[in-house]
């Protein structure tokens, strides 16, 4: 059975994981603010839920993934990503 700790009620199936994007810096090191239009989506996120066939990652881990992988969805005005476990490049420790 899949595991979830997210406030959002979503349960991925089989080998899929449900990921929230990691927060991006709002300003540069020199103090300049970055407008939303100039920000790229991060390639890092926190696993919020996993499907029943996921073996190598756990809920709560921060992972890196390819820029164009997965399916983006919006729930309660927040953007999330649904990935296959094989699309995860690695775990950030």
C-alpha atoms as a PDB file:
ATOM      1  CA  UNK A   1       0.000   0.000   0.000  1.00  0.00           C
ATOM      2  CA  UNK A   2       1.229   3.539  -0.790  1.00  0.00           C
ATOM      3  CA  UNK A   3       2.401   5.859   1.940  1.00  0.00           C
ATOM      4  CA  UNK A   4       1.558   9.548   2.331  1.00  0.00           C
ATOM      5  CA  UNK A   5       2.347  12.338   4.819  1.00  0.00           C
ATOM      6  CA  UNK A   6       1.181  15.283   2.720  1.00  0.00           C
ATOM      7  CA  UNK A   7      -1.661  17.580   3.718  1.00  0.00           C
ATOM      8  CA  UNK A   8      -2.865  17.111   0.132  1.00  0.00           C
ATOM      9  CA  UNK A   9      -4.866  13.932  -0.246  1.00  0.00           C
ATOM     10  CA  UNK A  10      -3.360  12.189  -3.262  1.00  0.00           C
ATOM     11  CA  UNK A  11      -2.238   8.565  -3.548  1.00  0.00           C
ATOM     12  CA  UNK A  12      -0.062   7.693  -6.547  1.00  0.00           C
ATOM     13  CA  UNK A  13      -0.420   4.237  -8.066  1.00  0.00           C
ATOM     14  CA  UNK A  14       2.186   1.527  -8.673  1.00  0.00           C
ATOM     15  CA  UNK A  15       5.714   2.918  -9.276  1.00  0.00           C
ATOM     16  CA  UNK A  16       4.787   6.599  -9.195  1.00  0.00           C
ATOM     17  CA  UNK A  17       5.756   9.261  -6.653  1.00  0.00           C
ATOM     18  CA  UNK A  18       4.005  12.531  -5.777  1.00  0.00           C
ATOM     19  CA  UNK A  19       6.488  15.406  -5.394  1.00  0.00           C
ATOM     20  CA  UNK A  20       6.191  19.006  -4.197  1.00  0.00           C
ATOM     21  CA  UNK A  21       8.655  21.433  -5.711  1.00  0.00           C
ATOM     22  CA  UNK A  22      11.477  22.708  -3.489  1.00  0.00           C
ATOM     23  CA  UNK A  23      11.272  26.410  -2.674  1.00  0.00           C
ATOM     24  CA  UNK A  24      13.359  28.670  -4.872  1.00  0.00           C
ATOM     25  CA  UNK A  25      15.396  31.657  -3.795  1.00  0.00           C
ATOM     26  CA  UNK A  26      13.388  34.871  -3.993  1.00  0.00           C
ATOM     27  CA  UNK A  27      16.455  37.021  -4.526  1.00  0.00           C
ATOM     28  CA  UNK A  28      20.010  36.733  -5.795  1.00  0.00           C
ATOM     29  CA  UNK A  29      23.121  36.712  -3.611  1.00  0.00           C
ATOM     30  CA  UNK A  30      23.578  40.409  -4.412  1.00  0.00           C
ATOM     31  CA  UNK A  31      20.070  41.222  -3.132  1.00  0.00           C
ATOM     32  CA  UNK A  32      18.130  41.566  -6.381  1.00  0.00           C
ATOM     33  CA  UNK A  33      14.610  40.119  -6.318  1.00  0.00           C
ATOM     34  CA  UNK A  34      13.791  37.532  -8.993  1.00  0.00           C
ATOM     35  CA  UNK A  35      10.368  37.981 -10.641  1.00  0.00           C
ATOM     36  CA  UNK A  36       8.205  34.851 -10.960  1.00  0.00           C
ATOM     37  CA  UNK A  37       8.338  35.067 -14.754  1.00  0.00           C
ATOM     38  CA  UNK A  38      12.133  34.716 -14.713  1.00  0.00           C
ATOM     39  CA  UNK A  39      12.225  31.707 -12.403  1.00  0.00           C
ATOM     40  CA  UNK A  40      12.709  28.227 -13.800  1.00  0.00           C
ATOM     41  CA  UNK A  41      10.970  25.316 -12.164  1.00  0.00           C
ATOM     42  CA  UNK A  42      13.383  23.576  -9.824  1.00  0.00           C
ATOM     43  CA  UNK A  43      14.629  20.099 -10.596  1.00  0.00           C
ATOM     44  CA  UNK A  44      14.441  19.226  -6.927  1.00  0.00           C
ATOM     45  CA  UNK A  45      11.487  18.364  -4.739  1.00  0.00           C
ATOM     46  CA  UNK A  46      10.201  16.608  -1.648  1.00  0.00           C
ATOM     47  CA  UNK A  47       8.399  13.277  -1.926  1.00  0.00           C
ATOM     48  CA  UNK A  48       4.916  13.689  -0.469  1.00  0.00           C
ATOM     49  CA  UNK A  49       3.497  10.235  -1.303  1.00  0.00           C
ATOM     50  CA  UNK A  50       4.595   7.005  -2.991  1.00  0.00           C
ATOM     51  CA  UNK A  51       2.850   4.211  -4.852  1.00  0.00           C
ATOM     52  CA  UNK A  52       2.766   0.615  -3.664  1.00  0.00           C
ATOM     53  CA  UNK A  53       5.574  -0.567  -5.992  1.00  0.00           C
ATOM     54  CA  UNK A  54       8.138   2.157  -5.125  1.00  0.00           C
ATOM     55  CA  UNK A  55      11.253   0.584  -3.605  1.00  0.00           C
ATOM     56  CA  UNK A  56      14.200   3.020  -3.572  1.00  0.00           C
ATOM     57  CA  UNK A  57      12.804   6.262  -2.094  1.00  0.00           C
ATOM     58  CA  UNK A  58      10.691   7.197   0.927  1.00  0.00           C
ATOM     59  CA  UNK A  59       8.173   9.888   1.814  1.00  0.00           C
ATOM     60  CA  UNK A  60       9.951  13.007   3.075  1.00  0.00           C
ATOM     61  CA  UNK A  61      13.146  12.547   1.050  1.00  0.00           C
ATOM     62  CA  UNK A  62      14.364  15.319  -1.242  1.00  0.00           C
ATOM     63  CA  UNK A  63      15.059  14.097  -4.767  1.00  0.00           C
ATOM     64  CA  UNK A  64      16.486  15.400  -8.033  1.00  0.00           C
ATOM     65  CA  UNK A  65      14.712  14.746 -11.322  1.00  0.00           C
ATOM     66  CA  UNK A  66      15.072  15.630 -14.985  1.00  0.00           C
ATOM     67  CA  UNK A  67      13.738  19.034 -16.023  1.00  0.00           C
ATOM     68  CA  UNK A  68      11.151  17.634 -18.430  1.00  0.00           C
ATOM     69  CA  UNK A  69      10.080  14.479 -16.594  1.00  0.00           C
ATOM     70  CA  UNK A  70       6.749  13.689 -15.002  1.00  0.00           C
ATOM     71  CA  UNK A  71       3.295  15.223 -15.169  1.00  0.00           C
ATOM     72  CA  UNK A  72       2.625  18.590 -13.563  1.00  0.00           C
ATOM     73  CA  UNK A  73      -0.675  19.014 -11.724  1.00  0.00           C
ATOM     74  CA  UNK A  74      -2.257  21.826  -9.702  1.00  0.00           C
ATOM     75  CA  UNK A  75      -4.033  21.123  -6.426  1.00  0.00           C
ATOM     76  CA  UNK A  76      -5.290  24.029  -4.283  1.00  0.00           C
ATOM     77  CA  UNK A  77      -3.238  26.527  -6.329  1.00  0.00           C
ATOM     78  CA  UNK A  78      -0.001  24.614  -5.665  1.00  0.00           C
ATOM     79  CA  UNK A  79       1.937  22.880  -8.432  1.00  0.00           C
ATOM     80  CA  UNK A  80       3.031  19.280  -7.899  1.00  0.00           C
ATOM     81  CA  UNK A  81       4.731  16.660 -10.021  1.00  0.00           C
ATOM     82  CA  UNK A  82       3.873  13.003 -10.527  1.00  0.00           C
ATOM     83  CA  UNK A  83       6.961  11.000 -11.523  1.00  0.00           C
ATOM     84  CA  UNK A  84       7.751   7.403 -12.222  1.00  0.00           C
ATOM     85  CA  UNK A  85      10.352   6.148  -9.783  1.00  0.00           C
ATOM     86  CA  UNK A  86      12.746   5.504 -12.700  1.00  0.00           C
ATOM     87  CA  UNK A  87      12.705   9.248 -13.553  1.00  0.00           C
ATOM     88  CA  UNK A  88      14.275  10.158 -10.204  1.00  0.00           C
ATOM     89  CA  UNK A  89      17.978  10.859 -10.660  1.00  0.00           C
ATOM     90  CA  UNK A  90      18.970  10.631  -7.010  1.00  0.00           C
ATOM     91  CA  UNK A  91      18.294  11.513  -3.373  1.00  0.00           C
ATOM     92  CA  UNK A  92      19.753  14.665  -1.793  1.00  0.00           C
ATOM     93  CA  UNK A  93      21.239  13.848   1.621  1.00  0.00           C
END
